[in-house]
Amino acid sequence: MSPKPRYAVVGLFLLVMAGLFVFFVAWMYGYRKGVEFRTCVILTEESVGGVRIGSPVRYKGIDVGKVSGLEIYKEDPNVVVIYLKVRRDVPIHRDTRARIVPMGITGLAYIGLTGGREGEPYLVKIGGREYPLIRLELSEFQRVYRSLPEVLARVDELVGRMNRLFSDRNIHLVNRALVKLVVLEERLKGLSAKLERLADRYRSTGEKVDRVLGKVEVSADSFKSLLTGMENGTLREIDHLLAELKRTVRDADILLRRISDNPSILLYGYQATEGPGERER
């Protein structure tokens, strides 16, 4: 069999692979037909770990460009410059914000853009050329990472407090307190039993009091009936007797005054005194 057909197949395969590679490179760097791009920059002092040249740029989850360059800012070595090649139809405004978002557990990250409603973006001059500036916000992961030292310090302090709390001396004191609580519980049970007995006595005493009050009520009714009878008969007799007594006392008083004026009354009796002219008649 002639080997020429095999060479033709291999050559065709290499041409197809070369074409796919050129298309992929053109797509990666934004040379797709009919799509215009512009370059924006991010200046940040934060770590840009996970961001690589070619990392995606997404606007609210939609792929809109790629990271086209990373370099240290010449005017300030603490600042990193991230160059973004973004589609020109993406709204980049003064309030547009960017975040470095991790891509799972791969260690890579993409640039996520949000916002974009008011005003033209600020411009920053780098290497004699002006670029629209996008401000970088800390992602949730970066915020956690930044607060990690403080969290670890608090955890260390908490562990120290736990160690002091569970020291041998404190455990001994806690055991003593538990023993005292058990004793107190027993005493409270005894007191509860006494209170129950006292309550029973109170209930029995209350029943006796109720019976006494019933008898008192009956006696009160009887006394009331007695007073009513006295008012109807006896009181009238007493009033009559008192009236007779008053008349007797008045007559005795008159008699005593007359004896005092004329003691011979006791010997001769009472004689009426004659008035003037009564003897001549």
C-alpha atoms as a PDB file:
ATOM      1  CA  MET A   1       0.000   0.000   0.000  1.00  0.00           C
ATOM      2  CA  SER A   2       1.317   3.463  -0.925  1.00  0.00           C
ATOM      3  CA  PRO A   3       2.147   5.725   2.131  1.00  0.00           C
ATOM      4  CA  LYS A   4       1.135   8.948   0.318  1.00  0.00           C
ATOM      5  CA  PRO A   5      -2.508   8.981   1.565  1.00  0.00           C
ATOM      6  CA  ARG A   6      -1.237   8.829   5.129  1.00  0.00           C
ATOM      7  CA  TYR A   7       0.931  11.906   4.639  1.00  0.00           C
ATOM      8  CA  ALA A   8      -2.063  13.763   3.232  1.00  0.00           C
ATOM      9  CA  VAL A   9      -4.210  12.915   6.251  1.00  0.00           C
ATOM     10  CA  VAL A  10      -1.465  13.976   8.644  1.00  0.00           C
ATOM     11  CA  GLY A  11      -0.946  17.235   6.792  1.00  0.00           C
ATOM     12  CA  LEU A  12      -4.686  17.960   6.774  1.00  0.00           C
ATOM     13  CA  PHE A  13      -4.856  17.260  10.487  1.00  0.00           C
ATOM     14  CA  LEU A  14      -1.967  19.639  11.219  1.00  0.00           C
ATOM     15  CA  LEU A  15      -3.601  22.397   9.145  1.00  0.00           C
ATOM     16  CA  VAL A  16      -6.891  22.011  11.024  1.00  0.00           C
ATOM     17  CA  MET A  17      -5.134  22.110  14.383  1.00  0.00           C
ATOM     18  CA  ALA A  18      -3.161  25.200  13.358  1.00  0.00           C
ATOM     19  CA  GLY A  19      -6.358  26.928  12.318  1.00  0.00           C
ATOM     20  CA  LEU A  20      -8.071  26.085  15.597  1.00  0.00           C
ATOM     21  CA  PHE A  21      -5.066  27.366  17.538  1.00  0.00           C
ATOM     22  CA  VAL A  22      -5.065  30.683  15.667  1.00  0.00           C
ATOM     23  CA  PHE A  23      -8.811  31.033  16.236  1.00  0.00           C
ATOM     24  CA  PHE A  24      -8.422  30.290  19.948  1.00  0.00           C
ATOM     25  CA  VAL A  25      -5.601  32.824  20.346  1.00  0.00           C
ATOM     26  CA  ALA A  26      -7.604  35.451  18.476  1.00  0.00           C
ATOM     27  CA  TRP A  27     -10.631  34.785  20.684  1.00  0.00           C
ATOM     28  CA  MET A  28      -8.530  34.902  23.847  1.00  0.00           C
ATOM     29  CA  TYR A  29      -7.080  38.295  23.052  1.00  0.00           C
ATOM     30  CA  GLY A  30     -10.279  39.829  21.760  1.00  0.00           C
ATOM     31  CA  TYR A  31      -9.728  39.942  18.054  1.00  0.00           C
ATOM     32  CA  ARG A  32     -13.131  38.618  17.209  1.00  0.00           C
ATOM     33  CA  LYS A  33     -14.667  40.250  14.196  1.00  0.00           C
ATOM     34  CA  GLY A  34     -17.136  43.041  14.838  1.00  0.00           C
ATOM     35  CA  VAL A  35     -16.341  43.456  18.563  1.00  0.00           C
ATOM     36  CA  GLU A  36     -14.530  46.549  19.814  1.00  0.00           C
ATOM     37  CA  PHE A  37     -12.625  46.650  23.092  1.00  0.00           C
ATOM     38  CA  ARG A  38     -11.157  49.314  25.302  1.00  0.00           C
ATOM     39  CA  THR A  39      -8.517  49.074  27.983  1.00  0.00           C
ATOM     40  CA  CYS A  40      -9.317  49.966  31.595  1.00  0.00           C
ATOM     41  CA  VAL A  41      -7.053  49.760  34.626  1.00  0.00           C
ATOM     42  CA  ILE A  42      -7.369  48.842  38.284  1.00  0.00           C
ATOM     43  CA  LEU A  43      -4.931  50.219  40.860  1.00  0.00           C
ATOM     44  CA  THR A  44      -4.754  48.314  44.102  1.00  0.00           C
ATOM     45  CA  GLU A  45      -2.507  47.715  47.103  1.00  0.00           C
ATOM     46  CA  GLU A  46      -4.209  44.394  47.825  1.00  0.00           C
ATOM     47  CA  SER A  47      -2.900  41.011  46.769  1.00  0.00           C
ATOM     48  CA  VAL A  48      -3.938  39.975  43.258  1.00  0.00           C
ATOM     49  CA  GLY A  49      -3.238  36.295  43.845  1.00  0.00           C
ATOM     50  CA  GLY A  50      -5.185  34.084  41.445  1.00  0.00           C
ATOM     51  CA  VAL A  51      -5.374  36.751  38.721  1.00  0.00           C
ATOM     52  CA  ARG A  52      -3.426  35.868  35.568  1.00  0.00           C
ATOM     53  CA  ILE A  53      -3.071  37.350  32.107  1.00  0.00           C
ATOM     54  CA  GLY A  54      -6.082  35.958  30.264  1.00  0.00           C
ATOM     55  CA  SER A  55      -8.259  35.661  33.403  1.00  0.00           C
ATOM     56  CA  PRO A  56     -11.907  36.393  32.575  1.00  0.00           C
ATOM     57  CA  VAL A  57     -13.545  39.752  33.209  1.00  0.00           C
ATOM     58  CA  ARG A  58     -17.248  39.405  33.949  1.00  0.00           C
ATOM     59  CA  TYR A  59     -19.936  42.029  34.288  1.00  0.00           C
ATOM     60  CA  LYS A  60     -22.627  40.664  36.607  1.00  0.00           C
ATOM     61  CA  GLY A  61     -21.635  37.115  35.610  1.00  0.00           C
ATOM     62  CA  ILE A  62     -21.371  37.752  31.846  1.00  0.00           C
ATOM     63  CA  ASP A  63     -17.972  37.407  30.109  1.00  0.00           C
ATOM     64  CA  VAL A  64     -17.093  40.851  28.751  1.00  0.00           C
ATOM     65  CA  GLY A  65     -13.313  40.731  28.443  1.00  0.00           C
ATOM     66  CA  LYS A  66      -9.959  39.462  29.686  1.00  0.00           C
ATOM     67  CA  VAL A  67      -7.070  40.554  31.867  1.00  0.00           C
ATOM     68  CA  SER A  68      -4.507  41.834  29.377  1.00  0.00           C
ATOM     69  CA  GLY A  69      -1.641  42.771  31.691  1.00  0.00           C
ATOM     70  CA  LEU A  70      -0.255  42.928  35.246  1.00  0.00           C
ATOM     71  CA  GLU A  71       2.546  45.180  36.434  1.00  0.00           C
ATOM     72  CA  ILE A  72       3.838  47.119  39.422  1.00  0.00           C
ATOM     73  CA  TYR A  73       2.954  50.805  39.359  1.00  0.00           C
ATOM     74  CA  LYS A  74       6.158  52.745  38.670  1.00  0.00           C
ATOM     75  CA  GLU A  75       5.195  55.724  40.802  1.00  0.00           C
ATOM     76  CA  ASP A  76       4.389  53.564  43.855  1.00  0.00           C
ATOM     77  CA  PRO A  77       5.886  50.081  44.247  1.00  0.00           C
ATOM     78  CA  ASN A  78       3.127  49.114  46.714  1.00  0.00           C
ATOM     79  CA  VAL A  79       0.498  49.476  43.985  1.00  0.00           C
ATOM     80  CA  VAL A  80      -0.293  46.831  41.362  1.00  0.00           C
ATOM     81  CA  VAL A  81      -1.767  47.781  37.967  1.00  0.00           C
ATOM     82  CA  ILE A  82      -4.253  45.387  36.382  1.00  0.00           C
ATOM     83  CA  TYR A  83      -5.024  46.044  32.714  1.00  0.00           C
ATOM     84  CA  LEU A  84      -8.467  44.947  31.553  1.00  0.00           C
ATOM     85  CA  LYS A  85      -9.530  44.616  27.926  1.00  0.00           C
ATOM     86  CA  VAL A  86     -13.311  45.150  28.138  1.00  0.00           C
ATOM     87  CA  ARG A  87     -15.941  45.284  25.413  1.00  0.00           C
ATOM     88  CA  ARG A  88     -16.763  48.851  24.537  1.00  0.00           C
ATOM     89  CA  ASP A  89     -20.505  48.349  24.936  1.00  0.00           C
ATOM     90  CA  VAL A  90     -20.078  47.467  28.635  1.00  0.00           C
ATOM     91  CA  PRO A  91     -21.168  50.428  30.835  1.00  0.00           C
ATOM     92  CA  ILE A  92     -18.061  51.627  32.678  1.00  0.00           C
ATOM     93  CA  HIS A  93     -18.911  54.641  34.825  1.00  0.00           C
ATOM     94  CA  ARG A  94     -17.575  56.470  37.849  1.00  0.00           C
ATOM     95  CA  ASP A  95     -19.411  54.170  40.269  1.00  0.00           C
ATOM     96  CA  THR A  96     -18.357  50.913  38.600  1.00  0.00           C
ATOM     97  CA  ARG A  97     -16.612  48.599  41.041  1.00  0.00           C
ATOM     98  CA  ALA A  98     -14.430  45.530  40.543  1.00  0.00           C
ATOM     99  CA  ARG A  99     -13.794  42.493  42.755  1.00  0.00           C
ATOM    100  CA  ILE A 100     -11.318  39.637  42.609  1.00  0.00           C
ATOM    101  CA  VAL A 101     -13.509  36.538  42.804  1.00  0.00           C
ATOM    102  CA  PRO A 102     -11.934  33.087  43.403  1.00  0.00           C
ATOM    103  CA  MET A 103     -12.890  30.337  40.946  1.00  0.00           C
ATOM    104  CA  GLY A 104     -13.574  27.402  43.256  1.00  0.00           C
ATOM    105  CA  ILE A 105     -10.550  25.480  44.584  1.00  0.00           C
ATOM    106  CA  THR A 106      -8.426  25.967  41.474  1.00  0.00           C
ATOM    107  CA  GLY A 107      -6.518  28.910  42.993  1.00  0.00           C
ATOM    108  CA  LEU A 108      -7.474  31.038  39.971  1.00  0.00           C
ATOM    109  CA  ALA A 109      -9.727  34.086  40.047  1.00  0.00           C
ATOM    110  CA  TYR A 110     -11.633  36.344  37.715  1.00  0.00           C
ATOM    111  CA  ILE A 111     -12.448  40.056  37.801  1.00  0.00           C
ATOM    112  CA  GLY A 112     -16.103  40.746  38.519  1.00  0.00           C
ATOM    113  CA  LEU A 113     -17.583  44.147  37.617  1.00  0.00           C
ATOM    114  CA  THR A 114     -20.717  45.660  39.146  1.00  0.00           C
ATOM    115  CA  GLY A 115     -22.478  49.026  39.094  1.00  0.00           C
ATOM    116  CA  GLY A 116     -22.188  51.597  36.364  1.00  0.00           C
ATOM    117  CA  ARG A 117     -24.962  54.199  36.326  1.00  0.00           C
ATOM    118  CA  GLU A 118     -23.644  57.738  36.775  1.00  0.00           C
ATOM    119  CA  GLY A 119     -20.872  59.839  35.310  1.00  0.00           C
ATOM    120  CA  GLU A 120     -17.876  59.135  33.139  1.00  0.00           C
ATOM    121  CA  PRO A 121     -15.086  57.126  34.777  1.00  0.00           C
ATOM    122  CA  TYR A 122     -12.040  58.827  36.268  1.00  0.00           C
ATOM    123  CA  LEU A 123      -8.964  58.786  34.083  1.00  0.00           C
ATOM    124  CA  VAL A 124      -5.461  57.859  35.253  1.00  0.00           C
ATOM    125  CA  LYS A 125      -2.301  58.497  33.271  1.00  0.00           C
ATOM    126  CA  ILE A 126       0.143  55.592  33.012  1.00  0.00           C
ATOM    127  CA  GLY A 127       3.152  55.645  30.671  1.00  0.00           C
ATOM    128  CA  GLY A 128       1.943  58.764  28.876  1.00  0.00           C
ATOM    129  CA  ARG A 129      -1.507  57.314  28.173  1.00  0.00           C
ATOM    130  CA  GLU A 130      -4.825  57.818  29.963  1.00  0.00           C
ATOM    131  CA  TYR A 131      -6.989  54.880  30.963  1.00  0.00           C
ATOM    132  CA  PRO A 132     -10.453  54.705  32.557  1.00  0.00           C
ATOM    133  CA  LEU A 133      -9.997  53.816  36.229  1.00  0.00           C
ATOM    134  CA  ILE A 134     -12.110  51.142  37.936  1.00  0.00           C
ATOM    135  CA  ARG A 135     -11.988  51.014  41.735  1.00  0.00           C
ATOM    136  CA  LEU A 136     -11.354  47.669  43.381  1.00  0.00           C
ATOM    137  CA  GLU A 137     -13.445  46.502  46.332  1.00  0.00           C
ATOM    138  CA  LEU A 138     -12.464  43.754  48.705  1.00  0.00           C
ATOM    139  CA  SER A 139     -14.204  40.472  48.058  1.00  0.00           C
ATOM    140  CA  GLU A 140     -15.747  38.478  50.876  1.00  0.00           C
ATOM    141  CA  PHE A 141     -12.744  36.160  50.861  1.00  0.00           C
ATOM    142  CA  GLN A 142     -10.325  39.095  51.049  1.00  0.00           C
ATOM    143  CA  ARG A 143     -12.293  40.650  53.916  1.00  0.00           C
ATOM    144  CA  VAL A 144     -12.184  37.378  55.810  1.00  0.00           C
ATOM    145  CA  TYR A 145      -8.483  37.005  55.045  1.00  0.00           C
ATOM    146  CA  ARG A 146      -7.791  40.565  56.207  1.00  0.00           C
ATOM    147  CA  SER A 147      -9.712  40.011  59.452  1.00  0.00           C
ATOM    148  CA  LEU A 148      -8.096  36.610  60.010  1.00  0.00           C
ATOM    149  CA  PRO A 149      -5.278  37.909  62.297  1.00  0.00           C
ATOM    150  CA  GLU A 150      -7.814  39.657  64.505  1.00  0.00           C
ATOM    151  CA  VAL A 151      -9.985  36.541  64.578  1.00  0.00           C
ATOM    152  CA  LEU A 152      -6.977  34.386  65.507  1.00  0.00           C
ATOM    153  CA  ALA A 153      -6.041  36.834  68.270  1.00  0.00           C
ATOM    154  CA  ARG A 154      -9.563  36.643  69.679  1.00  0.00           C
ATOM    155  CA  VAL A 155      -9.526  32.858  69.443  1.00  0.00           C
ATOM    156  CA  ASP A 156      -6.199  32.792  71.298  1.00  0.00           C
ATOM    157  CA  GLU A 157      -7.634  35.074  73.980  1.00  0.00           C
ATOM    158  CA  LEU A 158     -10.732  32.869  74.230  1.00  0.00           C
ATOM    159  CA  VAL A 159      -8.573  29.764  74.603  1.00  0.00           C
ATOM    160  CA  GLY A 160      -6.609  31.483  77.372  1.00  0.00           C
ATOM    161  CA  ARG A 161      -9.819  32.372  79.181  1.00  0.00           C
ATOM    162  CA  MET A 162     -11.101  28.823  78.785  1.00  0.00           C
ATOM    163  CA  ASN A 163      -7.868  27.482  80.248  1.00  0.00           C
ATOM    164  CA  ARG A 164      -8.211  29.803  83.228  1.00  0.00           C
ATOM    165  CA  LEU A 165     -11.856  28.917  83.589  1.00  0.00           C
ATOM    166  CA  PHE A 166     -11.200  25.176  83.624  1.00  0.00           C
ATOM    167  CA  SER A 167      -8.203  25.294  85.913  1.00  0.00           C
ATOM    168  CA  ASP A 168      -7.975  22.729  88.736  1.00  0.00           C
ATOM    169  CA  ARG A 169      -8.885  25.336  91.351  1.00  0.00           C
ATOM    170  CA  ASN A 170     -11.974  26.467  89.459  1.00  0.00           C
ATOM    171  CA  ILE A 171     -13.048  22.870  88.862  1.00  0.00           C
ATOM    172  CA  HIS A 172     -12.706  22.213  92.601  1.00  0.00           C
ATOM    173  CA  LEU A 173     -14.787  25.304  93.362  1.00  0.00           C
ATOM    174  CA  VAL A 174     -17.421  24.227  90.856  1.00  0.00           C
ATOM    175  CA  ASN A 175     -17.594  20.780  92.468  1.00  0.00           C
ATOM    176  CA  ARG A 176     -18.057  22.368  95.890  1.00  0.00           C
ATOM    177  CA  ALA A 177     -20.766  24.604  94.511  1.00  0.00           C
ATOM    178  CA  LEU A 178     -22.532  21.587  93.021  1.00  0.00           C
ATOM    179  CA  VAL A 179     -22.390  19.790  96.385  1.00  0.00           C
ATOM    180  CA  LYS A 180     -23.876  22.849  98.085  1.00  0.00           C
ATOM    181  CA  LEU A 181     -26.592  22.979  95.455  1.00  0.00           C
ATOM    182  CA  VAL A 182     -27.465  19.350  96.145  1.00  0.00           C
ATOM    183  CA  VAL A 183     -27.659  20.088  99.899  1.00  0.00           C
ATOM    184  CA  LEU A 184     -29.769  23.158  99.188  1.00  0.00           C
ATOM    185  CA  GLU A 185     -32.067  21.078  97.016  1.00  0.00           C
ATOM    186  CA  GLU A 186     -32.580  18.588  99.855  1.00  0.00           C
ATOM    187  CA  ARG A 187     -33.330  21.419 102.272  1.00  0.00           C
ATOM    188  CA  LEU A 188     -35.777  22.931  99.841  1.00  0.00           C
ATOM    189  CA  LYS A 189     -37.521  19.588  99.554  1.00  0.00           C
ATOM    190  CA  GLY A 190     -37.821  19.430 103.381  1.00  0.00           C
ATOM    191  CA  LEU A 191     -39.107  22.984 103.491  1.00  0.00           C
ATOM    192  CA  SER A 192     -41.614  22.174 100.774  1.00  0.00           C
ATOM    193  CA  ALA A 193     -42.893  19.227 102.820  1.00  0.00           C
ATOM    194  CA  LYS A 194     -43.252  21.458 105.905  1.00  0.00           C
ATOM    195  CA  LEU A 195     -45.108  24.049 103.859  1.00  0.00           C
ATOM    196  CA  GLU A 196     -47.480  21.381 102.614  1.00  0.00           C
ATOM    197  CA  ARG A 197     -48.192  20.235 106.190  1.00  0.00           C
ATOM    198  CA  LEU A 198     -48.691  23.861 107.232  1.00  0.00           C
ATOM    199  CA  ALA A 199     -51.085  24.327 104.353  1.00  0.00           C
ATOM    200  CA  ASP A 200     -53.044  21.274 105.480  1.00  0.00           C
ATOM    201  CA  ARG A 201     -53.235  22.699 109.000  1.00  0.00           C
ATOM    202  CA  TYR A 202     -54.330  26.026 107.594  1.00  0.00           C
ATOM    203  CA  ARG A 203     -57.069  24.333 105.630  1.00  0.00           C
ATOM    204  CA  SER A 204     -58.300  22.452 108.730  1.00  0.00           C
ATOM    205  CA  THR A 205     -58.119  25.658 110.795  1.00  0.00           C
ATOM    206  CA  GLY A 206     -60.030  27.467 108.109  1.00  0.00           C
ATOM    207  CA  GLU A 207     -62.747  24.849 108.254  1.00  0.00           C
ATOM    208  CA  LYS A 208     -62.997  25.286 112.045  1.00  0.00           C
ATOM    209  CA  VAL A 209     -63.135  29.050 111.643  1.00  0.00           C
ATOM    210  CA  ASP A 210     -65.902  28.637 109.100  1.00  0.00           C
ATOM    211  CA  ARG A 211     -67.891  26.524 111.566  1.00  0.00           C
ATOM    212  CA  VAL A 212     -67.344  29.092 114.370  1.00  0.00           C
ATOM    213  CA  LEU A 213     -68.395  31.899 112.081  1.00  0.00           C
ATOM    214  CA  GLY A 214     -71.520  29.917 111.236  1.00  0.00           C
ATOM    215  CA  LYS A 215     -72.370  29.585 114.917  1.00  0.00           C
ATOM    216  CA  VAL A 216     -71.642  33.302 115.472  1.00  0.00           C
ATOM    217  CA  GLU A 217     -73.946  34.118 112.604  1.00  0.00           C
ATOM    218  CA  VAL A 218     -76.713  32.010 114.186  1.00  0.00           C
ATOM    219  CA  SER A 219     -76.135  33.728 117.573  1.00  0.00           C
ATOM    220  CA  ALA A 220     -76.262  37.101 115.881  1.00  0.00           C
ATOM    221  CA  ASP A 221     -79.572  36.209 114.303  1.00  0.00           C
ATOM    222  CA  SER A 222     -80.903  35.130 117.742  1.00  0.00           C
ATOM    223  CA  PHE A 223     -79.679  38.345 119.379  1.00  0.00           C
ATOM    224  CA  LYS A 224     -81.270  40.336 116.620  1.00  0.00           C
ATOM    225  CA  SER A 225     -84.550  38.534 117.203  1.00  0.00           C
ATOM    226  CA  LEU A 226     -84.275  39.278 120.961  1.00  0.00           C
ATOM    227  CA  LEU A 227     -83.711  42.952 120.296  1.00  0.00           C
ATOM    228  CA  THR A 228     -86.678  42.984 117.966  1.00  0.00           C
ATOM    229  CA  GLY A 229     -88.888  41.418 120.691  1.00  0.00           C
ATOM    230  CA  MET A 230     -87.644  43.917 123.254  1.00  0.00           C
ATOM    231  CA  GLU A 231     -88.415  46.745 120.932  1.00  0.00           C
ATOM    232  CA  ASN A 232     -91.957  45.474 120.410  1.00  0.00           C
ATOM    233  CA  GLY A 233     -92.967  44.904 124.123  1.00  0.00           C
ATOM    234  CA  THR A 234     -90.363  45.184 126.851  1.00  0.00           C
ATOM    235  CA  LEU A 235     -89.034  48.526 125.749  1.00  0.00           C
ATOM    236  CA  ARG A 236     -92.515  50.047 125.910  1.00  0.00           C
ATOM    237  CA  GLU A 237     -92.953  48.750 129.463  1.00  0.00           C
ATOM    238  CA  ILE A 238     -89.583  50.146 130.441  1.00  0.00           C
ATOM    239  CA  ASP A 239     -90.581  53.535 129.011  1.00  0.00           C
ATOM    240  CA  HIS A 240     -93.841  53.491 131.066  1.00  0.00           C
ATOM    241  CA  LEU A 241     -91.951  52.486 134.232  1.00  0.00           C
ATOM    242  CA  LEU A 242     -89.432  55.275 133.721  1.00  0.00           C
ATOM    243  CA  ALA A 243     -92.258  57.794 133.319  1.00  0.00           C
ATOM    244  CA  GLU A 244     -93.874  56.642 136.625  1.00  0.00           C
ATOM    245  CA  LEU A 245     -90.474  56.790 138.313  1.00  0.00           C
ATOM    246  CA  LYS A 246     -89.974  60.353 137.099  1.00  0.00           C
ATOM    247  CA  ARG A 247     -93.378  61.388 138.558  1.00  0.00           C
ATOM    248  CA  THR A 248     -92.602  59.693 141.897  1.00  0.00           C
ATOM    249  CA  VAL A 249     -89.252  61.412 142.146  1.00  0.00           C
ATOM    250  CA  ARG A 250     -90.874  64.744 141.373  1.00  0.00           C
ATOM    251  CA  ASP A 251     -93.528  64.272 144.124  1.00  0.00           C
ATOM    252  CA  ALA A 252     -90.867  63.177 146.652  1.00  0.00           C
ATOM    253  CA  ASP A 253     -88.843  66.253 145.805  1.00  0.00           C
ATOM    254  CA  ILE A 254     -91.878  68.513 146.451  1.00  0.00           C
ATOM    255  CA  LEU A 255     -92.574  66.755 149.758  1.00  0.00           C
ATOM    256  CA  LEU A 256     -88.973  67.124 150.925  1.00  0.00           C
ATOM    257  CA  ARG A 257     -88.994  70.837 150.149  1.00  0.00           C
ATOM    258  CA  ARG A 258     -92.203  71.320 152.143  1.00  0.00           C
ATOM    259  CA  ILE A 259     -90.844  69.377 155.149  1.00  0.00           C
ATOM    260  CA  SER A 260     -87.763  71.498 155.000  1.00  0.00           C
ATOM    261  CA  ASP A 261     -89.899  74.660 155.090  1.00  0.00           C
ATOM    262  CA  ASN A 262     -92.300  73.377 157.849  1.00  0.00           C
ATOM    263  CA  PRO A 263     -91.019  70.394 159.911  1.00  0.00           C
ATOM    264  CA  SER A 264     -94.299  70.326 162.019  1.00  0.00           C
ATOM    265  CA  ILE A 265     -95.868  68.584 159.086  1.00  0.00           C
ATOM    266  CA  LEU A 266     -94.309  65.397 160.364  1.00  0.00           C
ATOM    267  CA  LEU A 267     -96.325  65.835 163.713  1.00  0.00           C
ATOM    268  CA  TYR A 268     -99.596  67.489 162.674  1.00  0.00           C
ATOM    269  CA  GLY A 269     -99.758  66.509 159.131  1.00  0.00           C
ATOM    270  CA  TYR A 270    -100.139  68.746 156.199  1.00  0.00           C
ATOM    271  CA  GLN A 271    -102.629  71.675 156.728  1.00  0.00           C
ATOM    272  CA  ALA A 272    -103.529  73.969 153.984  1.00  0.00           C
ATOM    273  CA  THR A 273    -102.656  77.572 154.642  1.00  0.00           C
ATOM    274  CA  GLU A 274    -105.681  79.919 154.783  1.00  0.00           C
ATOM    275  CA  GLY A 275    -105.605  82.835 152.499  1.00  0.00           C
ATOM    276  CA  PRO A 276    -106.482  86.423 153.484  1.00  0.00           C
ATOM    277  CA  GLY A 277    -110.225  86.849 154.346  1.00  0.00           C
ATOM    278  CA  GLU A 278    -110.922  83.071 154.246  1.00  0.00           C
ATOM    279  CA  ARG A 279    -111.408  82.917 158.177  1.00  0.00           C
ATOM    280  CA  GLU A 280    -114.125  85.667 158.274  1.00  0.00           C
ATOM    281  CA  ARG A 281    -116.281  83.666 155.896  1.00  0.00           C
END
